[in-house]
Amino acid sequence: MKTDTLPVSPKTAILPARAWFVVALLCVVGCLNYLDRIMITTMRDSIKAAIPMTDAQFGLLTAVFLWVYGFLSPYAGFLADRFNRSRVIIGSLFVWSLVTWLTSHATTFEELLATRALMGVSEACYIPAAMALIVDYHRGATRSLATGIHIAGIMVGQSLGFLGGMIAENRDWSAAFSVFGLVGILYAVVLAFFLRDAPKSAETKTVVSKPAETVRFGEAVRILFSKPAFSILLLFWALLGVVGWLIVGWLPTFYQEQFNLSQSQAGQYATGYFHTAALVGVLTGGALTDRISRNNPRGRILVPAIALCIAAPAIFLASTTAILPVAIVGFIFYAFTRVFSDTNMMPILCLIADERYRATGYGILNLGSCIVGGLGLYAGGVLRDAQVSFSQLFQVAAVLLLICSALLFLLKSQTTLKSDV
């Protein structure tokens, strides 16, 4: 069987200057990225009072963002490969922050829908470029931790989404969009002075002498899919997206129905404990993976594969027990171990993809996760209408986690060793 070549991670790595400074800068951007996109979901009543709309229309505000974001992610990633990564990041932040500010001036549903679509366009350019820039700076023993810290910043943005609802209640729904839009615009100006692309490695300088002539979208897609390992990784990320969307989307309702909890109690168990465990997980998973990969270059694949073998029985136990504390602990274990895959996704992609097409590859993975994950979330609702219990749905999720783990072990078997880049 033909195998792809796996980089050998050095035990020690000399980081370029500003490597951790860049991660710190991007943590703030990642926080704003998710805060700006998610806070609209926390001010439903305030927006509907100001701009009359149905619940279906309100749901469409989030759906149109996800659709645009997902479908544009591959080409948005290509822009970061084709041009300057740091300029793409700064431009993305500036435009989506401007759109966030413009959202505060929307007076009709159509205007609000248009701003959400525009936000999907501008935000799609950020994640692939940011992940690629981080691994450009962190080429060895700090790669997984660096990406994990950035994901932690994103999680902080998710958890701060409540600020939108709080500001809407105390002032006006548009105030939050106005404030955070201006904050993003100002921060984009700050980044213009401090954010720079990483210096090219010796191998990159030798192999990629004319990037403008060699980096083309169609060629990037062809080369990425020419390796079986990339298709395996895409399937893995898509299935993991199904599990992630299914559990995050329906966990509060599961707690309510399974244990007869109030909405506030269910929300606390489904978000407070859950996201705290996930935040600790991305940092722990990153540090652990970097440590193991110093001596075992396949550690970036093995660590998340083993973690999913822990997450699967945790989900199964949590979904079948009648004891609330057991369910809480089970979902905490799932949240903690499942994100080991998140912090290692770009590092794993670096093991199998040409360095010229990393951002494009991550954009394609984003597309697969958004489409399949969204369909999985919708399918969960359809199955619920057909009287399928949440316990059964989450048991299916546990099986999918085991399949994801098996795909990572298969990915490991598809690789051999080469020098790190």
Protein backbone atom coordinates (compact mmCIF):
# COMPACT_ATOMS: atom_id res chain seq x y z
CA MET A 1 0.00 0.00 0.00
CA LYS A 2 1.26 3.43 -0.95
CA THR A 3 1.80 5.65 2.06
CA ASP A 4 2.17 9.38 2.58
CA THR A 5 5.27 10.72 4.27
CA LEU A 6 5.13 11.78 7.91
CA PRO A 7 7.44 14.47 9.28
CA VAL A 8 9.76 13.60 12.10
CA SER A 9 9.23 16.07 14.94
CA PRO A 10 12.48 17.30 16.45
CA LYS A 11 12.99 16.93 20.19
CA THR A 12 13.89 20.59 20.36
CA ALA A 13 12.92 23.41 18.04
CA ILE A 14 14.20 26.92 17.68
CA LEU A 15 11.16 29.15 17.43
CA PRO A 16 11.19 32.19 15.18
CA ALA A 17 11.10 35.52 16.97
CA ARG A 18 7.59 36.60 18.04
CA ALA A 19 6.16 33.06 17.72
CA TRP A 20 4.25 33.18 21.02
CA PHE A 21 3.46 36.87 20.56
CA VAL A 22 1.66 35.99 17.33
CA VAL A 23 -0.39 33.33 19.15
CA ALA A 24 -1.36 35.92 21.79
CA LEU A 25 -2.40 38.43 19.12
CA LEU A 26 -4.50 35.82 17.32
CA CYS A 27 -6.19 34.66 20.54
CA VAL A 28 -7.86 38.07 20.74
CA VAL A 29 -8.89 37.87 17.08
CA GLY A 30 -10.28 34.35 17.59
CA CYS A 31 -12.25 35.57 20.61
CA LEU A 32 -13.78 38.41 18.57
CA ASN A 33 -14.42 36.04 15.66
CA TYR A 34 -16.74 33.81 17.67
CA LEU A 35 -18.18 36.55 19.88
CA ASP A 36 -19.32 38.59 16.86
CA ARG A 37 -20.92 35.58 15.18
CA ILE A 38 -22.63 34.01 18.21
CA MET A 39 -23.97 36.94 20.25
CA ILE A 40 -26.98 37.34 17.97
CA THR A 41 -28.33 34.05 19.32
CA THR A 42 -28.43 35.48 22.86
CA MET A 43 -30.65 38.48 22.02
CA ARG A 44 -33.53 36.79 20.19
CA ASP A 45 -36.36 38.53 22.07
CA SER A 46 -34.77 41.99 21.78
CA ILE A 47 -34.20 41.66 18.02
CA LYS A 48 -37.70 40.28 17.35
CA ALA A 49 -39.20 43.15 19.34
CA ALA A 50 -37.33 45.70 17.22
CA ILE A 51 -37.54 43.92 13.84
CA PRO A 52 -40.66 41.72 13.52
CA MET A 53 -39.83 38.24 12.20
CA THR A 54 -40.85 34.63 12.62
CA ASP A 55 -38.78 32.06 14.50
CA ALA A 56 -37.97 30.46 11.16
CA GLN A 57 -36.58 33.79 9.92
CA PHE A 58 -34.57 34.22 13.09
CA GLY A 59 -33.12 30.74 12.61
CA LEU A 60 -32.26 31.67 9.04
CA LEU A 61 -29.99 34.46 10.35
CA THR A 62 -27.66 31.83 11.81
CA ALA A 63 -28.17 29.32 9.00
CA VAL A 64 -27.21 31.74 6.21
CA PHE A 65 -24.02 32.62 8.05
CA LEU A 66 -23.08 28.94 8.38
CA TRP A 67 -23.85 28.16 4.73
CA VAL A 68 -21.86 31.08 3.35
CA TYR A 69 -19.02 30.48 5.83
CA GLY A 70 -18.77 26.78 4.99
CA PHE A 71 -18.96 27.03 1.21
CA LEU A 72 -16.40 29.84 1.01
CA SER A 73 -13.90 28.30 3.46
CA PRO A 74 -11.85 26.39 0.84
CA TYR A 75 -11.30 29.42 -1.37
CA ALA A 76 -10.77 31.65 1.67
CA GLY A 77 -8.03 29.26 2.77
CA PHE A 78 -6.51 29.41 -0.70
CA LEU A 79 -6.22 33.20 -0.40
CA ALA A 80 -4.03 32.71 2.67
CA ASP A 81 -1.84 30.25 0.74
CA ARG A 82 -1.68 32.41 -2.36
CA PHE A 83 -1.09 35.74 -0.64
CA ASN A 84 0.26 37.09 2.65
CA ARG A 85 -1.35 35.25 5.59
CA SER A 86 -1.12 38.13 8.03
CA ARG A 87 -2.67 40.59 5.55
CA VAL A 88 -5.58 38.18 4.95
CA ILE A 89 -6.14 37.95 8.71
CA ILE A 90 -6.06 41.72 9.20
CA GLY A 91 -8.35 42.29 6.22
CA SER A 92 -10.78 39.63 7.43
CA LEU A 93 -10.94 41.14 10.93
CA PHE A 94 -11.43 44.67 9.59
CA VAL A 95 -14.22 43.69 7.16
CA TRP A 96 -16.19 41.47 9.55
CA SER A 97 -15.88 44.11 12.29
CA LEU A 98 -17.17 46.73 9.87
CA VAL A 99 -20.05 44.39 9.00
CA THR A 100 -20.68 43.88 12.73
CA TRP A 101 -20.91 47.64 13.15
CA LEU A 102 -23.22 47.91 10.12
CA THR A 103 -25.45 45.23 11.66
CA SER A 104 -26.32 47.70 14.42
CA HIS A 105 -27.85 49.97 11.77
CA ALA A 106 -30.11 47.31 10.22
CA THR A 107 -33.81 48.21 10.41
CA THR A 108 -35.41 45.37 8.40
CA PHE A 109 -35.08 41.60 8.32
CA GLU A 110 -33.62 41.73 4.81
CA GLU A 111 -30.87 44.12 5.91
CA LEU A 112 -30.08 41.94 8.91
CA LEU A 113 -29.94 38.83 6.71
CA ALA A 114 -27.59 40.59 4.28
CA THR A 115 -25.17 41.54 7.07
CA ARG A 116 -25.13 37.94 8.33
CA ALA A 117 -24.27 36.70 4.85
CA LEU A 118 -21.50 39.31 4.54
CA MET A 119 -20.15 38.26 7.93
CA GLY A 120 -19.98 34.68 6.67
CA VAL A 121 -17.89 35.86 3.70
CA SER A 122 -15.44 37.87 5.80
CA GLU A 123 -15.11 35.46 8.74
CA ALA A 124 -14.46 32.51 6.41
CA CYS A 125 -11.07 34.02 5.61
CA TYR A 126 -9.86 34.03 9.21
CA ILE A 127 -9.59 30.50 10.67
CA PRO A 128 -7.65 28.81 7.83
CA ALA A 129 -5.21 31.74 7.62
CA ALA A 130 -4.76 31.94 11.40
CA MET A 131 -4.15 28.22 11.82
CA ALA A 132 -1.69 28.19 8.94
CA LEU A 133 0.18 31.21 10.33
CA ILE A 134 0.47 29.60 13.78
CA VAL A 135 1.97 26.37 12.41
CA ASP A 136 4.29 28.43 10.19
CA TYR A 137 5.75 29.92 13.36
CA HIS A 138 5.56 26.72 15.45
CA ARG A 139 7.21 24.00 13.37
CA GLY A 140 8.25 21.51 16.02
CA ALA A 141 7.67 20.72 19.66
CA THR A 142 5.22 23.58 20.37
CA ARG A 143 2.83 23.17 17.43
CA SER A 144 -0.12 21.47 19.15
CA LEU A 145 0.00 23.66 22.26
CA ALA A 146 0.14 26.81 20.13
CA THR A 147 -2.96 25.81 18.16
CA GLY A 148 -4.63 24.72 21.40
CA ILE A 149 -4.07 28.14 22.98
CA HIS A 150 -5.62 29.79 19.93
CA ILE A 151 -8.64 27.49 20.14
CA ALA A 152 -8.90 28.39 23.83
CA GLY A 153 -9.22 32.02 22.76
CA ILE A 154 -12.04 31.02 20.42
CA MET A 155 -13.77 29.21 23.28
CA VAL A 156 -13.54 32.34 25.42
CA GLY A 157 -15.35 34.17 22.64
CA GLN A 158 -18.06 31.50 22.64
CA SER A 159 -18.50 31.76 26.39
CA LEU A 160 -18.73 35.58 26.21
CA GLY A 161 -21.68 35.39 23.84
CA PHE A 162 -23.97 36.15 26.78
CA LEU A 163 -22.69 39.74 26.69
CA GLY A 164 -24.86 40.37 23.65
CA GLY A 165 -28.02 39.41 25.49
CA MET A 166 -27.00 41.35 28.60
CA ILE A 167 -26.26 44.54 26.67
CA ALA A 168 -29.49 44.13 24.69
CA GLU A 169 -31.52 43.88 27.89
CA ASN A 170 -29.87 46.87 29.57
CA ARG A 171 -29.63 49.15 26.51
CA ASP A 172 -30.57 48.15 22.96
CA TRP A 173 -29.94 45.13 20.75
CA SER A 174 -27.85 47.21 18.34
CA ALA A 175 -25.48 48.51 21.06
CA ALA A 176 -23.49 45.26 21.31
CA PHE A 177 -22.90 45.12 17.54
CA SER A 178 -21.84 48.75 17.51
CA VAL A 179 -19.40 48.35 20.43
CA PHE A 180 -17.74 45.10 19.37
CA GLY A 181 -17.64 46.20 15.73
CA LEU A 182 -15.65 49.29 16.68
CA VAL A 183 -13.40 47.23 18.97
CA GLY A 184 -12.58 44.91 16.05
CA ILE A 185 -11.86 47.78 13.67
CA LEU A 186 -9.46 49.36 16.16
CA TYR A 187 -7.76 46.02 16.83
CA ALA A 188 -7.28 45.49 13.09
CA VAL A 189 -5.36 48.75 13.02
CA VAL A 190 -3.20 47.50 15.92
CA LEU A 191 -2.51 44.21 14.10
CA ALA A 192 -1.37 46.10 11.02
CA PHE A 193 1.63 47.29 13.04
CA PHE A 194 2.52 44.03 14.79
CA LEU A 195 1.32 40.96 12.84
CA ARG A 196 3.74 39.56 10.25
CA ASP A 197 4.12 36.32 8.31
CA ALA A 198 6.60 33.78 9.65
CA PRO A 199 10.07 33.62 8.08
CA LYS A 200 10.30 30.92 5.43
CA SER A 201 11.99 27.65 6.35
CA ALA A 202 15.06 26.55 4.40
CA GLU A 203 13.05 23.76 2.77
CA THR A 204 10.27 26.12 1.75
CA LYS A 205 12.75 28.55 0.20
CA THR A 206 14.21 25.70 -1.84
CA VAL A 207 10.96 24.05 -2.91
CA VAL A 208 8.75 27.09 -3.37
CA SER A 209 10.81 29.61 -5.26
CA LYS A 210 7.88 31.14 -7.21
CA PRO A 211 4.74 30.91 -5.04
CA ALA A 212 2.72 33.19 -7.30
CA GLU A 213 3.15 30.70 -10.19
CA THR A 214 2.70 27.48 -8.24
CA VAL A 215 -0.17 28.23 -5.83
CA ARG A 216 -3.42 27.88 -7.78
CA PHE A 217 -6.77 26.87 -6.34
CA GLY A 218 -7.54 24.00 -8.72
CA GLU A 219 -4.00 22.68 -8.45
CA ALA A 220 -4.12 22.93 -4.65
CA VAL A 221 -7.35 20.91 -4.48
CA ARG A 222 -6.01 18.30 -6.91
CA ILE A 223 -2.76 17.84 -5.00
CA LEU A 224 -4.54 17.65 -1.63
CA PHE A 225 -6.95 14.95 -2.79
CA SER A 226 -4.21 13.05 -4.62
CA LYS A 227 -3.18 11.75 -1.19
CA PRO A 228 -5.56 9.16 0.31
CA ALA A 229 -4.64 10.43 3.77
CA PHE A 230 -6.35 13.77 3.08
CA SER A 231 -9.64 12.08 2.15
CA ILE A 232 -9.43 10.03 5.35
CA LEU A 233 -8.84 13.21 7.34
CA LEU A 234 -11.80 14.93 5.65
CA LEU A 235 -14.10 12.02 6.50
CA PHE A 236 -12.80 12.02 10.07
CA TRP A 237 -13.40 15.74 10.54
CA ALA A 238 -16.87 15.58 8.97
CA LEU A 239 -18.02 12.71 11.22
CA LEU A 240 -16.55 14.42 14.26
CA GLY A 241 -18.52 17.52 13.24
CA VAL A 242 -21.74 15.47 13.27
CA VAL A 243 -21.03 14.38 16.84
CA GLY A 244 -20.03 17.85 17.96
CA TRP A 245 -23.07 19.64 16.53
CA LEU A 246 -25.43 16.90 17.72
CA ILE A 247 -24.27 17.00 21.33
CA VAL A 248 -23.84 20.76 21.66
CA GLY A 249 -27.18 21.42 19.96
CA TRP A 250 -29.27 18.94 21.94
CA LEU A 251 -27.48 18.46 25.27
CA PRO A 252 -29.54 21.09 27.19
CA THR A 253 -32.78 19.44 26.04
CA PHE A 254 -31.41 16.00 26.97
CA TYR A 255 -30.76 17.16 30.54
CA GLN A 256 -34.23 18.66 30.77
CA GLU A 257 -36.03 15.56 29.53
CA GLN A 258 -33.84 12.86 31.05
CA PHE A 259 -33.59 14.36 34.53
CA ASN A 260 -36.61 16.70 34.70
CA LEU A 261 -34.42 19.79 35.18
CA SER A 262 -35.38 23.41 34.72
CA GLN A 263 -34.13 25.30 31.69
CA SER A 264 -31.58 27.22 33.76
CA GLN A 265 -30.23 24.08 35.47
CA ALA A 266 -29.97 22.22 32.17
CA GLY A 267 -28.19 25.18 30.62
CA GLN A 268 -25.67 25.30 33.47
CA TYR A 269 -24.78 21.62 33.16
CA ALA A 270 -24.76 21.68 29.34
CA THR A 271 -22.63 24.81 28.93
CA GLY A 272 -20.88 25.87 32.14
CA TYR A 273 -19.29 22.54 33.06
CA PHE A 274 -19.04 21.41 29.45
CA HIS A 275 -17.16 24.39 28.03
CA THR A 276 -14.91 24.65 31.07
CA ALA A 277 -13.83 21.05 30.55
CA ALA A 278 -13.29 21.72 26.83
CA LEU A 279 -11.15 24.77 27.57
CA VAL A 280 -8.92 22.74 29.90
CA GLY A 281 -8.89 19.95 27.32
CA VAL A 282 -7.46 21.96 24.43
CA LEU A 283 -4.59 23.21 26.59
CA THR A 284 -3.92 19.81 28.15
CA GLY A 285 -4.21 18.02 24.82
CA GLY A 286 -1.84 20.44 23.13
CA ALA A 287 0.82 20.23 25.84
CA LEU A 288 0.53 16.43 26.11
CA THR A 289 0.74 15.92 22.36
CA ASP A 290 3.81 18.14 22.02
CA ARG A 291 5.54 16.23 24.79
CA ILE A 292 4.78 12.81 23.28
CA SER A 293 5.59 13.87 19.72
CA ARG A 294 9.15 14.78 20.71
CA ASN A 295 9.94 11.08 20.81
CA ASN A 296 7.11 9.74 18.64
CA PRO A 297 6.34 11.79 15.51
CA ARG A 298 3.03 9.95 15.14
CA GLY A 299 1.96 11.29 18.53
CA ARG A 300 -0.11 14.03 16.91
CA ILE A 301 -2.30 11.30 15.43
CA LEU A 302 -2.15 8.78 18.28
CA VAL A 303 -3.05 11.14 21.14
CA PRO A 304 -6.42 12.28 19.70
CA ALA A 305 -7.15 8.71 18.51
CA ILE A 306 -6.72 7.36 22.04
CA ALA A 307 -8.64 10.32 23.50
CA LEU A 308 -11.65 9.49 21.33
CA CYS A 309 -11.52 5.91 22.66
CA ILE A 310 -12.12 7.47 26.08
CA ALA A 311 -14.75 9.93 24.86
CA ALA A 312 -16.92 7.25 23.24
CA PRO A 313 -17.67 5.15 26.36
CA ALA A 314 -18.05 8.36 28.36
CA ILE A 315 -20.85 9.48 26.03
CA PHE A 316 -22.44 6.03 26.06
CA LEU A 317 -22.46 5.91 29.88
CA ALA A 318 -23.76 9.47 30.20
CA SER A 319 -26.61 8.80 27.77
CA THR A 320 -27.79 5.60 29.44
CA THR A 321 -27.52 6.39 33.15
CA ALA A 322 -30.40 7.54 35.34
CA ILE A 323 -28.00 9.20 37.81
CA LEU A 324 -27.46 12.89 37.10
CA PRO A 325 -23.91 13.19 38.55
CA VAL A 326 -22.79 10.23 36.43
CA ALA A 327 -24.20 11.87 33.30
CA ILE A 328 -22.49 15.16 34.13
CA VAL A 329 -19.12 13.45 34.67
CA GLY A 330 -19.55 11.47 31.45
CA PHE A 331 -20.17 14.57 29.36
CA ILE A 332 -17.30 16.36 31.10
CA PHE A 333 -14.97 13.50 30.10
CA TYR A 334 -16.31 13.73 26.54
CA ALA A 335 -15.79 17.51 26.39
CA PHE A 336 -12.26 17.19 27.80
CA THR A 337 -11.05 14.42 25.47
CA ARG A 338 -12.93 15.23 22.26
CA VAL A 339 -11.11 18.58 21.85
CA PHE A 340 -7.75 16.79 21.69
CA SER A 341 -8.72 16.39 18.03
CA ASP A 342 -9.40 20.12 17.64
CA THR A 343 -5.99 21.17 18.95
CA ASN A 344 -4.26 18.63 16.67
CA MET A 345 -6.24 19.06 13.46
CA MET A 346 -3.93 21.57 11.80
CA PRO A 347 -0.79 19.81 13.10
CA ILE A 348 -2.12 16.55 11.61
CA LEU A 349 -2.85 18.32 8.33
CA CYS A 350 0.76 19.52 8.32
CA LEU A 351 1.87 15.87 8.41
CA ILE A 352 0.10 15.00 5.17
CA ALA A 353 -0.39 18.20 3.14
CA ASP A 354 2.06 20.19 1.04
CA GLU A 355 3.17 23.24 3.01
CA ARG A 356 1.97 25.50 0.19
CA TYR A 357 -1.64 24.35 0.57
CA ARG A 358 -2.20 24.10 4.33
CA ALA A 359 -4.75 26.90 4.59
CA THR A 360 -6.62 25.61 1.53
CA GLY A 361 -6.70 22.15 3.08
CA TYR A 362 -8.03 23.49 6.36
CA GLY A 363 -10.70 25.42 4.48
CA ILE A 364 -11.84 22.21 2.76
CA LEU A 365 -11.98 20.47 6.14
CA ASN A 366 -14.07 23.37 7.46
CA LEU A 367 -16.47 23.00 4.55
CA GLY A 368 -16.94 19.29 5.22
CA SER A 369 -17.49 19.85 8.92
CA CYS A 370 -20.03 22.65 8.40
CA ILE A 371 -22.09 20.82 5.78
CA VAL A 372 -22.11 17.36 7.33
CA GLY A 373 -22.31 18.72 10.89
CA GLY A 374 -25.26 20.94 10.00
CA LEU A 375 -27.02 18.04 8.30
CA GLY A 376 -26.37 15.92 11.40
CA LEU A 377 -27.93 18.56 13.62
CA TYR A 378 -30.97 18.74 11.36
CA ALA A 379 -31.21 14.94 11.21
CA GLY A 380 -31.23 14.86 15.00
CA GLY A 381 -34.33 17.05 14.98
CA VAL A 382 -35.99 14.85 12.35
CA LEU A 383 -35.28 11.72 14.41
CA ARG A 384 -36.64 13.44 17.50
CA ASP A 385 -39.87 14.15 15.63
CA ALA A 386 -39.95 10.42 14.85
CA GLN A 387 -39.85 9.72 18.62
CA VAL A 388 -36.21 8.62 18.72
CA SER A 389 -34.86 9.34 22.21
CA PHE A 390 -31.82 11.47 22.96
CA SER A 391 -30.31 8.47 24.67
CA GLN A 392 -30.41 6.57 21.37
CA LEU A 393 -29.04 9.56 19.44
CA PHE A 394 -26.11 9.93 21.81
CA GLN A 395 -25.39 6.20 21.62
CA VAL A 396 -25.09 6.61 17.86
CA ALA A 397 -22.71 9.52 18.57
CA ALA A 398 -20.58 7.18 20.71
CA VAL A 399 -20.32 4.73 17.81
CA LEU A 400 -19.33 7.57 15.45
CA LEU A 401 -16.55 8.55 17.88
CA LEU A 402 -15.14 5.03 17.68
CA ILE A 403 -15.28 5.21 13.88
CA CYS A 404 -13.41 8.53 14.04
CA SER A 405 -10.76 6.92 16.23
CA ALA A 406 -10.43 4.04 13.76
CA LEU A 407 -9.97 6.54 10.93
CA LEU A 408 -7.07 8.15 12.81
CA PHE A 409 -5.41 4.77 13.31
CA LEU A 410 -5.91 4.13 9.59
CA LEU A 411 -4.35 7.52 8.88
CA LYS A 412 -1.37 6.52 10.99
CA SER A 413 -0.88 3.40 8.87
CA GLN A 414 -0.87 5.54 5.71
CA THR A 415 2.28 7.43 6.71
CA THR A 416 6.04 7.01 6.76
CA LEU A 417 8.73 9.33 8.16
CA LYS A 418 10.50 12.35 6.67
CA SER A 419 12.14 15.51 7.99
CA ASP A 420 9.98 18.07 9.77
CA VAL A 421 8.96 21.37 8.14
